[in-house]
Amino acid sequence: MTTAKAVLDRARSQLGVNESPPGSNRTPYGVWYGLDGVPWCGIFLSWCFYMAGLPLPASNPKGFAYTPSGAAWFQSRGKWSHTPKPGYVVFFDWPDDGVNRISHVGLVESVKADGMIVTIEGNTNNMVMRHNRQIGMVGYGIPDYENEAPADDWFAKATEADLKQVVHRVLAEGTSLGQTSWAGTSQATLRTSQQLYNLITQKVLSKLDPRA
């Protein structure tokens, strides 16, 4: 399965790639898609996902060129949100541009505290660029990414055996905390709970003596 990071890395690797000649809509992405010389924001996005191993077959097995088709595909699958997240596909309808429909698409790279999104987009100023956007966002397509636990989220990745080992360790050390039984006193129970928390957050399971 493909992760958001893999798609974003693919998109970042293309920053600065431009049309040749400028204004022609001719790009390597159009050649790959088989539809060169046309507006290519959707084609670029499709290329990024396809090359990262997660095609978005809204119009054909490679993806989509017509941005409303891409949005409709996400919506029809119940993969649509109004809340941006890194790796989501953002669809735009620019205000007052005379085109009363979705007409542009990009990839959300990050979301700022003030709600502004940082995007990577094709077919903007004749090239692939990074932008800060705060207007025109209609919604966000949610790709079928592999579930990604944060790198430091040990608890999310722990197996049942790992958790049993933590409990065994805590119980074995209960006496040293002034507790003579699992019920113990209120104070001892609280201190044992703290010990359990410390074991998990300090990621000591991987360091525990297997004989414990």
N, C-alpha and C. Protein backbone atom coordinates (compact mmCIF):
# COMPACT_ATOMS: atom_id res chain seq x y z
N MET A 1 0.84 -1.20 0.00
CA MET A 1 0.00 0.00 0.00
C MET A 1 0.88 1.25 0.00
N THR A 2 0.31 2.30 -0.49
CA THR A 2 1.04 3.56 -0.63
C THR A 2 0.69 4.52 0.50
N THR A 3 1.68 5.26 0.93
CA THR A 3 1.48 6.23 2.01
C THR A 3 1.39 7.65 1.44
N ALA A 4 0.85 8.55 2.26
CA ALA A 4 0.80 9.96 1.86
C ALA A 4 2.20 10.49 1.64
N LYS A 5 3.14 10.08 2.46
CA LYS A 5 4.52 10.55 2.32
C LYS A 5 5.10 10.17 0.97
N ALA A 6 4.79 8.95 0.50
CA ALA A 6 5.33 8.50 -0.79
C ALA A 6 4.81 9.37 -1.92
N VAL A 7 3.53 9.71 -1.89
CA VAL A 7 2.96 10.56 -2.94
C VAL A 7 3.52 11.97 -2.85
N LEU A 8 3.61 12.51 -1.64
CA LEU A 8 4.15 13.85 -1.46
C LEU A 8 5.61 13.91 -1.90
N ASP A 9 6.39 12.89 -1.59
CA ASP A 9 7.79 12.87 -2.03
C ASP A 9 7.88 12.86 -3.54
N ARG A 10 6.99 12.11 -4.18
CA ARG A 10 6.98 12.07 -5.64
C ARG A 10 6.66 13.45 -6.20
N ALA A 11 5.67 14.12 -5.62
CA ALA A 11 5.30 15.46 -6.09
C ALA A 11 6.42 16.45 -5.85
N ARG A 12 7.05 16.39 -4.69
CA ARG A 12 8.16 17.31 -4.38
C ARG A 12 9.31 17.14 -5.37
N SER A 13 9.52 15.92 -5.82
CA SER A 13 10.63 15.67 -6.75
C SER A 13 10.42 16.35 -8.10
N GLN A 14 9.21 16.82 -8.38
CA GLN A 14 8.90 17.44 -9.66
C GLN A 14 8.83 18.96 -9.61
N LEU A 15 9.03 19.54 -8.43
CA LEU A 15 8.98 20.99 -8.31
C LEU A 15 9.96 21.64 -9.30
N GLY A 16 9.46 22.59 -10.06
CA GLY A 16 10.30 23.29 -11.03
C GLY A 16 10.19 22.76 -12.44
N VAL A 17 9.61 21.57 -12.63
CA VAL A 17 9.42 21.06 -13.99
C VAL A 17 8.41 21.95 -14.71
N ASN A 18 8.73 22.36 -15.93
CA ASN A 18 7.85 23.31 -16.62
C ASN A 18 7.45 22.85 -18.01
N GLU A 19 6.53 23.58 -18.59
CA GLU A 19 6.08 23.30 -19.94
C GLU A 19 7.19 23.65 -20.92
N SER A 20 7.22 22.94 -22.03
CA SER A 20 8.22 23.24 -23.07
C SER A 20 7.55 23.15 -24.44
N PRO A 21 7.43 24.33 -25.10
CA PRO A 21 7.79 25.68 -24.65
C PRO A 21 6.75 26.23 -23.67
N PRO A 22 7.11 27.28 -22.94
CA PRO A 22 6.17 27.86 -21.98
C PRO A 22 4.86 28.26 -22.66
N GLY A 23 3.76 27.96 -22.01
CA GLY A 23 2.45 28.30 -22.55
C GLY A 23 1.88 27.27 -23.49
N SER A 24 2.60 26.17 -23.71
CA SER A 24 2.15 25.17 -24.67
C SER A 24 1.34 24.05 -24.05
N ASN A 25 1.36 23.95 -22.72
CA ASN A 25 0.75 22.81 -22.01
C ASN A 25 1.41 21.48 -22.37
N ARG A 26 2.61 21.53 -22.90
CA ARG A 26 3.32 20.29 -23.25
C ARG A 26 4.30 19.92 -22.13
N THR A 27 4.09 18.74 -21.57
CA THR A 27 4.89 18.29 -20.42
C THR A 27 5.13 16.79 -20.52
N PRO A 28 6.08 16.27 -19.75
CA PRO A 28 6.28 14.81 -19.69
C PRO A 28 5.04 14.09 -19.16
N TYR A 29 4.26 14.77 -18.34
CA TYR A 29 3.07 14.14 -17.76
C TYR A 29 1.99 13.94 -18.82
N GLY A 30 1.85 14.93 -19.71
CA GLY A 30 0.89 14.80 -20.79
C GLY A 30 1.27 13.68 -21.74
N VAL A 31 2.57 13.57 -22.04
CA VAL A 31 3.04 12.48 -22.90
C VAL A 31 2.73 11.14 -22.25
N TRP A 32 3.00 11.02 -20.95
CA TRP A 32 2.71 9.78 -20.22
C TRP A 32 1.22 9.45 -20.26
N TYR A 33 0.38 10.46 -20.06
CA TYR A 33 -1.07 10.25 -19.99
C TYR A 33 -1.65 9.95 -21.36
N GLY A 34 -0.97 10.42 -22.41
CA GLY A 34 -1.48 10.25 -23.77
C GLY A 34 -2.40 11.38 -24.19
N LEU A 35 -2.28 12.53 -23.51
CA LEU A 35 -3.11 13.69 -23.82
C LEU A 35 -2.27 14.94 -23.57
N ASP A 36 -1.30 15.19 -24.46
CA ASP A 36 -0.39 16.31 -24.27
C ASP A 36 -0.95 17.56 -24.93
N GLY A 37 -0.55 18.72 -24.37
CA GLY A 37 -0.96 19.99 -24.95
C GLY A 37 -2.29 20.50 -24.44
N VAL A 38 -2.79 19.92 -23.34
CA VAL A 38 -4.04 20.37 -22.73
C VAL A 38 -3.74 20.76 -21.28
N PRO A 39 -4.62 21.51 -20.62
CA PRO A 39 -4.40 21.83 -19.21
C PRO A 39 -4.10 20.56 -18.41
N TRP A 40 -3.05 20.63 -17.59
CA TRP A 40 -2.48 19.38 -17.08
C TRP A 40 -2.40 19.26 -15.56
N CYS A 41 -3.14 20.07 -14.81
CA CYS A 41 -3.06 19.95 -13.35
C CYS A 41 -3.53 18.57 -12.88
N GLY A 42 -4.65 18.09 -13.45
CA GLY A 42 -5.14 16.77 -13.08
C GLY A 42 -4.24 15.66 -13.58
N ILE A 43 -3.66 15.84 -14.73
CA ILE A 43 -2.74 14.85 -15.29
C ILE A 43 -1.50 14.74 -14.41
N PHE A 44 -0.97 15.88 -13.96
CA PHE A 44 0.19 15.85 -13.07
C PHE A 44 -0.13 15.13 -11.78
N LEU A 45 -1.27 15.45 -11.19
CA LEU A 45 -1.66 14.79 -9.95
C LEU A 45 -1.82 13.29 -10.17
N SER A 46 -2.44 12.92 -11.28
CA SER A 46 -2.61 11.49 -11.59
C SER A 46 -1.26 10.81 -11.73
N TRP A 47 -0.31 11.49 -12.36
CA TRP A 47 1.03 10.93 -12.53
C TRP A 47 1.69 10.67 -11.18
N CYS A 48 1.57 11.62 -10.26
CA CYS A 48 2.19 11.46 -8.94
C CYS A 48 1.65 10.22 -8.23
N PHE A 49 0.33 10.08 -8.23
CA PHE A 49 -0.27 8.93 -7.54
C PHE A 49 0.05 7.62 -8.26
N TYR A 50 -0.01 7.64 -9.57
CA TYR A 50 0.27 6.42 -10.34
C TYR A 50 1.70 5.94 -10.12
N MET A 51 2.64 6.86 -10.17
CA MET A 51 4.04 6.50 -10.00
C MET A 51 4.37 6.09 -8.56
N ALA A 52 3.54 6.53 -7.62
CA ALA A 52 3.74 6.13 -6.23
C ALA A 52 3.01 4.83 -5.90
N GLY A 53 2.31 4.27 -6.89
CA GLY A 53 1.66 2.99 -6.69
C GLY A 53 0.24 3.05 -6.22
N LEU A 54 -0.41 4.23 -6.38
CA LEU A 54 -1.80 4.38 -5.95
C LEU A 54 -2.58 5.15 -7.01
N PRO A 55 -2.93 4.50 -8.12
CA PRO A 55 -3.66 5.20 -9.20
C PRO A 55 -4.99 5.74 -8.71
N LEU A 56 -5.43 6.82 -9.35
CA LEU A 56 -6.75 7.40 -9.08
C LEU A 56 -7.58 7.26 -10.36
N PRO A 57 -8.15 6.09 -10.61
CA PRO A 57 -8.79 5.81 -11.91
C PRO A 57 -10.17 6.43 -12.07
N ALA A 58 -10.22 7.73 -12.00
CA ALA A 58 -11.50 8.43 -12.11
C ALA A 58 -12.04 8.40 -13.54
N SER A 59 -11.15 8.55 -14.52
CA SER A 59 -11.57 8.58 -15.92
C SER A 59 -11.02 7.40 -16.72
N ASN A 60 -9.84 6.95 -16.36
CA ASN A 60 -9.21 5.79 -17.00
C ASN A 60 -8.22 5.20 -16.00
N PRO A 61 -7.58 4.08 -16.31
CA PRO A 61 -6.68 3.45 -15.33
C PRO A 61 -5.54 4.33 -14.85
N LYS A 62 -5.19 5.36 -15.61
CA LYS A 62 -4.09 6.24 -15.20
C LYS A 62 -4.55 7.38 -14.30
N GLY A 63 -5.81 7.76 -14.38
CA GLY A 63 -6.26 8.87 -13.55
C GLY A 63 -7.32 9.73 -14.23
N PHE A 64 -7.09 11.04 -14.20
CA PHE A 64 -8.07 11.95 -14.79
C PHE A 64 -7.37 13.24 -15.24
N ALA A 65 -7.93 13.86 -16.27
CA ALA A 65 -7.47 15.17 -16.74
C ALA A 65 -8.50 16.24 -16.42
N TYR A 66 -9.79 15.88 -16.50
CA TYR A 66 -10.89 16.81 -16.27
C TYR A 66 -11.17 16.85 -14.77
N THR A 67 -10.88 17.99 -14.14
CA THR A 67 -10.93 18.06 -12.68
C THR A 67 -12.30 17.75 -12.07
N PRO A 68 -13.43 18.17 -12.68
CA PRO A 68 -14.72 17.77 -12.09
C PRO A 68 -14.90 16.26 -12.03
N SER A 69 -14.32 15.54 -12.99
CA SER A 69 -14.42 14.08 -12.97
C SER A 69 -13.67 13.51 -11.78
N GLY A 70 -12.52 14.10 -11.46
CA GLY A 70 -11.75 13.64 -10.31
C GLY A 70 -12.52 13.86 -9.02
N ALA A 71 -13.13 15.04 -8.88
CA ALA A 71 -13.90 15.34 -7.67
C ALA A 71 -15.10 14.41 -7.56
N ALA A 72 -15.81 14.18 -8.67
CA ALA A 72 -16.99 13.32 -8.66
C ALA A 72 -16.61 11.89 -8.28
N TRP A 73 -15.45 11.45 -8.70
CA TRP A 73 -15.00 10.09 -8.36
C TRP A 73 -14.79 9.93 -6.86
N PHE A 74 -14.12 10.89 -6.24
CA PHE A 74 -13.94 10.83 -4.79
C PHE A 74 -15.29 10.89 -4.07
N GLN A 75 -16.16 11.78 -4.52
CA GLN A 75 -17.45 11.95 -3.88
C GLN A 75 -18.29 10.68 -3.99
N SER A 76 -18.28 10.04 -5.15
CA SER A 76 -19.10 8.85 -5.36
C SER A 76 -18.65 7.68 -4.48
N ARG A 77 -17.40 7.73 -4.04
CA ARG A 77 -16.87 6.66 -3.20
C ARG A 77 -16.93 7.02 -1.71
N GLY A 78 -17.54 8.14 -1.40
CA GLY A 78 -17.62 8.56 -0.01
C GLY A 78 -16.27 8.99 0.56
N LYS A 79 -15.36 9.37 -0.33
CA LYS A 79 -14.01 9.78 0.08
C LYS A 79 -13.85 11.28 -0.13
N TRP A 80 -14.67 12.04 0.56
CA TRP A 80 -14.71 13.49 0.37
C TRP A 80 -14.75 14.18 1.72
N SER A 81 -13.99 15.25 1.87
CA SER A 81 -13.94 15.96 3.14
C SER A 81 -13.86 17.45 2.89
N HIS A 82 -14.24 18.21 3.91
CA HIS A 82 -14.06 19.67 3.86
C HIS A 82 -12.96 20.10 4.83
N THR A 83 -12.23 19.15 5.33
CA THR A 83 -11.12 19.41 6.26
C THR A 83 -9.82 18.95 5.62
N PRO A 84 -8.87 19.85 5.39
CA PRO A 84 -7.63 19.45 4.72
C PRO A 84 -6.70 18.67 5.62
N LYS A 85 -5.97 17.74 5.01
CA LYS A 85 -4.91 17.01 5.70
C LYS A 85 -3.80 16.77 4.69
N PRO A 86 -2.54 16.66 5.13
CA PRO A 86 -1.46 16.37 4.21
C PRO A 86 -1.73 15.10 3.40
N GLY A 87 -1.53 15.20 2.10
CA GLY A 87 -1.77 14.07 1.22
C GLY A 87 -3.15 14.04 0.61
N TYR A 88 -4.07 14.89 1.08
CA TYR A 88 -5.40 14.96 0.48
C TYR A 88 -5.30 15.69 -0.86
N VAL A 89 -6.24 15.39 -1.74
CA VAL A 89 -6.33 16.03 -3.05
C VAL A 89 -7.30 17.20 -2.93
N VAL A 90 -6.81 18.42 -3.21
CA VAL A 90 -7.64 19.60 -3.05
C VAL A 90 -8.15 20.08 -4.40
N PHE A 91 -9.46 20.33 -4.47
CA PHE A 91 -10.10 20.80 -5.69
C PHE A 91 -10.51 22.27 -5.52
N PHE A 92 -10.26 23.07 -6.56
CA PHE A 92 -10.48 24.51 -6.50
C PHE A 92 -11.54 24.96 -7.51
N ASP A 93 -12.30 25.96 -7.10
CA ASP A 93 -13.15 26.74 -8.01
C ASP A 93 -12.83 28.19 -7.72
N TRP A 94 -12.04 28.81 -8.59
CA TRP A 94 -11.58 30.16 -8.32
C TRP A 94 -12.74 31.16 -8.41
N PRO A 95 -12.88 32.01 -7.43
CA PRO A 95 -13.98 33.00 -7.46
C PRO A 95 -13.76 34.03 -8.57
N ASP A 96 -14.87 34.41 -9.20
CA ASP A 96 -14.86 35.50 -10.18
C ASP A 96 -13.95 35.26 -11.37
N ASP A 97 -13.76 33.97 -11.73
CA ASP A 97 -12.91 33.71 -12.91
C ASP A 97 -13.74 33.39 -14.14
N GLY A 98 -15.07 33.42 -13.99
CA GLY A 98 -15.93 33.15 -15.13
C GLY A 98 -16.15 31.68 -15.40
N VAL A 99 -15.54 30.83 -14.61
CA VAL A 99 -15.71 29.37 -14.77
C VAL A 99 -16.40 28.86 -13.52
N ASN A 100 -17.68 28.62 -13.61
CA ASN A 100 -18.47 28.28 -12.43
C ASN A 100 -18.46 26.77 -12.18
N ARG A 101 -17.28 26.24 -11.95
CA ARG A 101 -17.12 24.82 -11.64
C ARG A 101 -15.71 24.60 -11.12
N ILE A 102 -15.46 23.40 -10.61
CA ILE A 102 -14.10 23.04 -10.24
C ILE A 102 -13.23 23.11 -11.48
N SER A 103 -12.11 23.79 -11.38
CA SER A 103 -11.26 23.98 -12.55
C SER A 103 -9.77 23.79 -12.26
N HIS A 104 -9.42 23.39 -11.05
CA HIS A 104 -8.01 23.19 -10.73
C HIS A 104 -7.90 22.19 -9.58
N VAL A 105 -6.75 21.55 -9.50
CA VAL A 105 -6.54 20.53 -8.47
C VAL A 105 -5.08 20.53 -8.04
N GLY A 106 -4.85 20.17 -6.80
CA GLY A 106 -3.48 20.10 -6.28
C GLY A 106 -3.41 19.08 -5.16
N LEU A 107 -2.25 19.02 -4.54
CA LEU A 107 -1.99 18.07 -3.47
C LEU A 107 -1.66 18.86 -2.21
N VAL A 108 -2.37 18.59 -1.12
CA VAL A 108 -2.10 19.28 0.14
C VAL A 108 -0.78 18.74 0.73
N GLU A 109 0.17 19.65 0.91
CA GLU A 109 1.44 19.26 1.52
C GLU A 109 1.40 19.44 3.03
N SER A 110 0.81 20.54 3.49
CA SER A 110 0.69 20.79 4.92
C SER A 110 -0.44 21.78 5.17
N VAL A 111 -0.84 21.88 6.43
CA VAL A 111 -1.90 22.80 6.84
C VAL A 111 -1.36 23.69 7.94
N LYS A 112 -1.47 25.01 7.75
CA LYS A 112 -0.95 25.96 8.73
C LYS A 112 -1.97 26.20 9.85
N ALA A 113 -1.48 26.77 10.94
CA ALA A 113 -2.32 27.00 12.12
C ALA A 113 -3.50 27.92 11.80
N ASP A 114 -3.32 28.82 10.85
CA ASP A 114 -4.40 29.76 10.52
C ASP A 114 -5.38 29.20 9.50
N GLY A 115 -5.21 27.93 9.12
CA GLY A 115 -6.10 27.30 8.18
C GLY A 115 -5.63 27.35 6.74
N MET A 116 -4.61 28.16 6.45
CA MET A 116 -4.05 28.19 5.11
C MET A 116 -3.42 26.84 4.79
N ILE A 117 -3.54 26.41 3.53
CA ILE A 117 -2.92 25.16 3.13
C ILE A 117 -1.73 25.42 2.22
N VAL A 118 -0.72 24.57 2.33
CA VAL A 118 0.43 24.59 1.43
C VAL A 118 0.22 23.44 0.45
N THR A 119 0.30 23.76 -0.83
CA THR A 119 0.00 22.77 -1.86
C THR A 119 1.16 22.61 -2.84
N ILE A 120 1.14 21.49 -3.53
CA ILE A 120 1.99 21.29 -4.70
C ILE A 120 1.06 21.09 -5.88
N GLU A 121 1.23 21.89 -6.93
CA GLU A 121 0.30 21.90 -8.05
C GLU A 121 1.04 21.91 -9.37
N GLY A 122 0.46 21.25 -10.34
CA GLY A 122 0.93 21.35 -11.71
C GLY A 122 0.12 22.38 -12.47
N ASN A 123 0.64 22.81 -13.62
CA ASN A 123 -0.07 23.76 -14.49
C ASN A 123 -0.40 25.05 -13.78
N THR A 124 0.58 25.59 -13.06
CA THR A 124 0.42 26.90 -12.44
C THR A 124 1.67 27.70 -12.80
N ASN A 125 1.47 28.83 -13.47
CA ASN A 125 2.59 29.61 -14.03
C ASN A 125 3.46 28.74 -14.93
N ASN A 126 2.82 27.84 -15.67
CA ASN A 126 3.48 26.98 -16.66
C ASN A 126 4.41 25.94 -16.05
N MET A 127 4.27 25.64 -14.75
CA MET A 127 5.20 24.70 -14.13
C MET A 127 4.59 24.03 -12.91
N VAL A 128 5.36 23.16 -12.27
CA VAL A 128 4.98 22.55 -11.00
C VAL A 128 5.50 23.45 -9.89
N MET A 129 4.61 23.91 -9.03
CA MET A 129 4.98 24.87 -8.01
C MET A 129 4.35 24.54 -6.67
N ARG A 130 4.92 25.11 -5.63
CA ARG A 130 4.35 25.07 -4.28
C ARG A 130 3.62 26.39 -4.05
N HIS A 131 2.43 26.32 -3.44
CA HIS A 131 1.63 27.52 -3.20
C HIS A 131 1.07 27.53 -1.78
N ASN A 132 0.79 28.73 -1.28
CA ASN A 132 0.00 28.91 -0.07
C ASN A 132 -1.40 29.33 -0.52
N ARG A 133 -2.41 28.56 -0.14
CA ARG A 133 -3.77 28.82 -0.62
C ARG A 133 -4.72 29.04 0.56
N GLN A 134 -5.61 30.02 0.40
CA GLN A 134 -6.63 30.24 1.42
C GLN A 134 -8.00 30.55 0.84
N ILE A 135 -8.12 30.52 -0.48
CA ILE A 135 -9.42 30.73 -1.12
C ILE A 135 -9.59 29.72 -2.25
N GLY A 136 -10.85 29.49 -2.61
CA GLY A 136 -11.16 28.68 -3.78
C GLY A 136 -11.30 27.20 -3.51
N MET A 137 -10.98 26.74 -2.29
CA MET A 137 -11.04 25.31 -2.01
C MET A 137 -12.49 24.85 -1.91
N VAL A 138 -12.87 23.90 -2.75
CA VAL A 138 -14.22 23.36 -2.74
C VAL A 138 -14.32 22.16 -1.80
N GLY A 139 -13.30 21.34 -1.78
CA GLY A 139 -13.30 20.15 -0.94
C GLY A 139 -12.05 19.34 -1.21
N TYR A 140 -11.96 18.21 -0.51
CA TYR A 140 -10.74 17.42 -0.52
C TYR A 140 -11.05 15.94 -0.76
N GLY A 141 -10.40 15.37 -1.76
CA GLY A 141 -10.51 13.94 -1.99
C GLY A 141 -9.56 13.20 -1.06
N ILE A 142 -10.05 12.09 -0.51
CA ILE A 142 -9.27 11.31 0.44
C ILE A 142 -8.76 10.05 -0.25
N PRO A 143 -7.49 9.96 -0.57
CA PRO A 143 -6.94 8.77 -1.22
C PRO A 143 -6.93 7.57 -0.27
N ASP A 144 -6.83 6.39 -0.85
CA ASP A 144 -6.82 5.16 -0.07
C ASP A 144 -5.40 4.84 0.41
N TYR A 145 -4.90 5.71 1.27
CA TYR A 145 -3.55 5.50 1.78
C TYR A 145 -3.52 4.35 2.78
N GLU A 146 -2.35 3.77 2.89
CA GLU A 146 -2.10 2.82 3.97
C GLU A 146 -2.18 3.58 5.28
N ASN A 147 -2.76 2.94 6.31
CA ASN A 147 -2.80 3.57 7.62
C ASN A 147 -1.39 3.80 8.12
N GLU A 148 -1.12 5.04 8.55
CA GLU A 148 0.22 5.40 8.97
C GLU A 148 0.21 5.84 10.42
N ALA A 149 0.80 5.04 11.30
CA ALA A 149 0.98 5.47 12.68
C ALA A 149 2.22 6.34 12.74
N PRO A 150 2.22 7.41 13.54
CA PRO A 150 3.42 8.22 13.68
C PRO A 150 4.63 7.36 14.04
N ALA A 151 5.79 7.77 13.55
CA ALA A 151 7.00 6.98 13.77
C ALA A 151 7.26 6.71 15.24
N ASP A 152 6.85 7.64 16.13
CA ASP A 152 7.13 7.47 17.54
C ASP A 152 5.93 6.91 18.31
N ASP A 153 4.89 6.47 17.58
CA ASP A 153 3.71 5.96 18.25
C ASP A 153 3.88 4.47 18.51
N TRP A 154 4.67 4.15 19.53
CA TRP A 154 4.94 2.75 19.82
C TRP A 154 3.67 2.02 20.22
N PHE A 155 2.82 2.67 21.00
CA PHE A 155 1.63 2.01 21.53
C PHE A 155 0.73 1.52 20.41
N ALA A 156 0.62 2.32 19.32
CA ALA A 156 -0.25 1.93 18.21
C ALA A 156 0.27 0.69 17.50
N LYS A 157 1.56 0.43 17.61
CA LYS A 157 2.16 -0.70 16.92
C LYS A 157 2.39 -1.90 17.84
N ALA A 158 2.13 -1.75 19.14
CA ALA A 158 2.41 -2.81 20.10
C ALA A 158 1.50 -4.01 19.88
N THR A 159 2.05 -5.21 20.03
CA THR A 159 1.26 -6.42 19.94
C THR A 159 0.70 -6.77 21.31
N GLU A 160 -0.22 -7.73 21.35
CA GLU A 160 -0.78 -8.16 22.63
C GLU A 160 0.33 -8.69 23.54
N ALA A 161 1.29 -9.41 22.94
CA ALA A 161 2.40 -9.94 23.74
C ALA A 161 3.23 -8.81 24.36
N ASP A 162 3.42 -7.71 23.60
CA ASP A 162 4.16 -6.57 24.13
C ASP A 162 3.46 -6.00 25.35
N LEU A 163 2.13 -5.82 25.25
CA LEU A 163 1.38 -5.23 26.35
C LEU A 163 1.38 -6.14 27.57
N LYS A 164 1.28 -7.46 27.35
CA LYS A 164 1.34 -8.39 28.48
C LYS A 164 2.70 -8.31 29.18
N GLN A 165 3.74 -8.07 28.38
CA GLN A 165 5.07 -7.96 28.97
C GLN A 165 5.19 -6.72 29.85
N VAL A 166 4.54 -5.63 29.42
CA VAL A 166 4.55 -4.42 30.24
C VAL A 166 3.85 -4.67 31.57
N VAL A 167 2.65 -5.29 31.49
CA VAL A 167 1.90 -5.56 32.72
C VAL A 167 2.69 -6.46 33.65
N HIS A 168 3.34 -7.48 33.08
CA HIS A 168 4.16 -8.40 33.89
C HIS A 168 5.28 -7.64 34.59
N ARG A 169 5.87 -6.72 33.86
CA ARG A 169 6.98 -5.95 34.42
C ARG A 169 6.48 -5.08 35.58
N VAL A 170 5.32 -4.44 35.36
CA VAL A 170 4.77 -3.56 36.40
C VAL A 170 4.40 -4.36 37.64
N LEU A 171 3.75 -5.51 37.43
CA LEU A 171 3.37 -6.34 38.57
C LEU A 171 4.60 -6.83 39.33
N ALA A 172 5.64 -7.20 38.59
CA ALA A 172 6.84 -7.71 39.23
C ALA A 172 7.52 -6.65 40.07
N GLU A 173 7.34 -5.38 39.68
CA GLU A 173 8.02 -4.30 40.40
C GLU A 173 7.09 -3.62 41.41
N GLY A 174 5.87 -4.15 41.55
CA GLY A 174 4.91 -3.52 42.45
C GLY A 174 5.42 -3.40 43.86
N THR A 175 6.08 -4.44 44.36
CA THR A 175 6.57 -4.42 45.74
C THR A 175 7.55 -3.29 45.95
N SER A 176 8.38 -3.04 44.95
CA SER A 176 9.36 -1.97 45.10
C SER A 176 8.71 -0.61 45.18
N LEU A 177 7.45 -0.54 44.73
CA LEU A 177 6.72 0.73 44.80
C LEU A 177 5.88 0.81 46.08
N GLY A 178 6.03 -0.17 47.00
CA GLY A 178 5.30 -0.15 48.24
C GLY A 178 3.97 -0.85 48.16
N GLN A 179 3.76 -1.64 47.11
CA GLN A 179 2.49 -2.32 46.92
C GLN A 179 2.69 -3.81 47.12
N THR A 180 1.90 -4.45 47.98
CA THR A 180 2.05 -5.88 48.26
C THR A 180 1.05 -6.72 47.50
N SER A 181 0.08 -6.10 46.86
CA SER A 181 -0.88 -6.82 46.03
C SER A 181 -1.34 -5.89 44.91
N TRP A 182 -2.01 -6.47 43.90
CA TRP A 182 -2.44 -5.63 42.78
C TRP A 182 -3.45 -4.57 43.25
N ALA A 183 -4.29 -4.93 44.22
CA ALA A 183 -5.24 -3.94 44.74
C ALA A 183 -4.48 -2.84 45.44
N GLY A 184 -3.63 -3.21 46.39
CA GLY A 184 -2.75 -2.27 47.06
C GLY A 184 -3.47 -1.09 47.68
N THR A 185 -2.71 -0.08 48.00
CA THR A 185 -3.27 1.16 48.50
C THR A 185 -3.48 2.13 47.35
N SER A 186 -4.26 3.16 47.58
CA SER A 186 -4.52 4.13 46.53
C SER A 186 -3.24 4.74 46.02
N GLN A 187 -2.37 5.09 46.95
CA GLN A 187 -1.12 5.73 46.54
C GLN A 187 -0.26 4.77 45.73
N ALA A 188 -0.17 3.54 46.17
CA ALA A 188 0.65 2.57 45.45
C ALA A 188 0.08 2.28 44.07
N THR A 189 -1.24 2.22 43.98
CA THR A 189 -1.86 1.98 42.68
C THR A 189 -1.56 3.11 41.71
N LEU A 190 -1.64 4.33 42.22
CA LEU A 190 -1.32 5.48 41.36
C LEU A 190 0.12 5.43 40.91
N ARG A 191 1.00 5.07 41.82
CA ARG A 191 2.43 5.01 41.47
C ARG A 191 2.69 3.89 40.47
N THR A 192 1.96 2.78 40.61
CA THR A 192 2.11 1.69 39.64
C THR A 192 1.60 2.11 38.27
N SER A 193 0.50 2.85 38.26
CA SER A 193 -0.03 3.35 36.98
C SER A 193 0.99 4.27 36.31
N GLN A 194 1.66 5.08 37.11
CA GLN A 194 2.68 5.96 36.58
C GLN A 194 3.83 5.15 35.99
N GLN A 195 4.17 4.05 36.67
CA GLN A 195 5.23 3.18 36.17
C GLN A 195 4.84 2.60 34.82
N LEU A 196 3.59 2.19 34.68
CA LEU A 196 3.11 1.65 33.42
C LEU A 196 3.20 2.71 32.32
N TYR A 197 2.77 3.93 32.66
CA TYR A 197 2.83 5.02 31.69
C TYR A 197 4.27 5.28 31.25
N ASN A 198 5.18 5.29 32.21
CA ASN A 198 6.58 5.55 31.90
C ASN A 198 7.15 4.47 30.99
N LEU A 199 6.79 3.21 31.27
CA LEU A 199 7.30 2.13 30.44
C LEU A 199 6.87 2.29 28.99
N ILE A 200 5.61 2.70 28.80
CA ILE A 200 5.10 2.84 27.43
C ILE A 200 5.70 4.05 26.74
N THR A 201 5.65 5.21 27.38
CA THR A 201 6.09 6.44 26.72
C THR A 201 7.60 6.47 26.51
N GLN A 202 8.34 5.76 27.32
CA GLN A 202 9.79 5.74 27.15
C GLN A 202 10.23 4.61 26.23
N LYS A 203 9.22 3.85 25.70
CA LYS A 203 9.49 2.82 24.71
C LYS A 203 10.50 1.80 25.22
N VAL A 204 10.35 1.37 26.46
CA VAL A 204 11.33 0.45 27.02
C VAL A 204 11.01 -1.00 26.70
N LEU A 205 9.87 -1.25 26.10
CA LEU A 205 9.52 -2.65 25.83
C LEU A 205 10.58 -3.34 25.00
N SER A 206 11.09 -2.63 24.01
CA SER A 206 12.08 -3.25 23.15
C SER A 206 13.38 -3.52 23.89
N LYS A 207 13.51 -2.88 25.06
CA LYS A 207 14.75 -3.04 25.83
C LYS A 207 14.57 -4.00 27.01
N LEU A 208 13.31 -4.46 27.24
CA LEU A 208 13.06 -5.30 28.39
C LEU A 208 13.82 -6.62 28.27
N ASP A 209 14.28 -7.12 29.39
CA ASP A 209 14.92 -8.42 29.45
C ASP A 209 13.87 -9.47 29.15
N PRO A 210 14.04 -10.30 28.13
CA PRO A 210 13.03 -11.30 27.76
C PRO A 210 12.75 -12.28 28.89
N ARG A 211 13.60 -12.33 29.90
CA ARG A 211 13.37 -13.25 31.02
C ARG A 211 12.43 -12.64 32.04
N ALA A 212 12.09 -11.32 31.86
CA ALA A 212 11.23 -10.65 32.85
C ALA A 212 9.85 -11.26 32.86
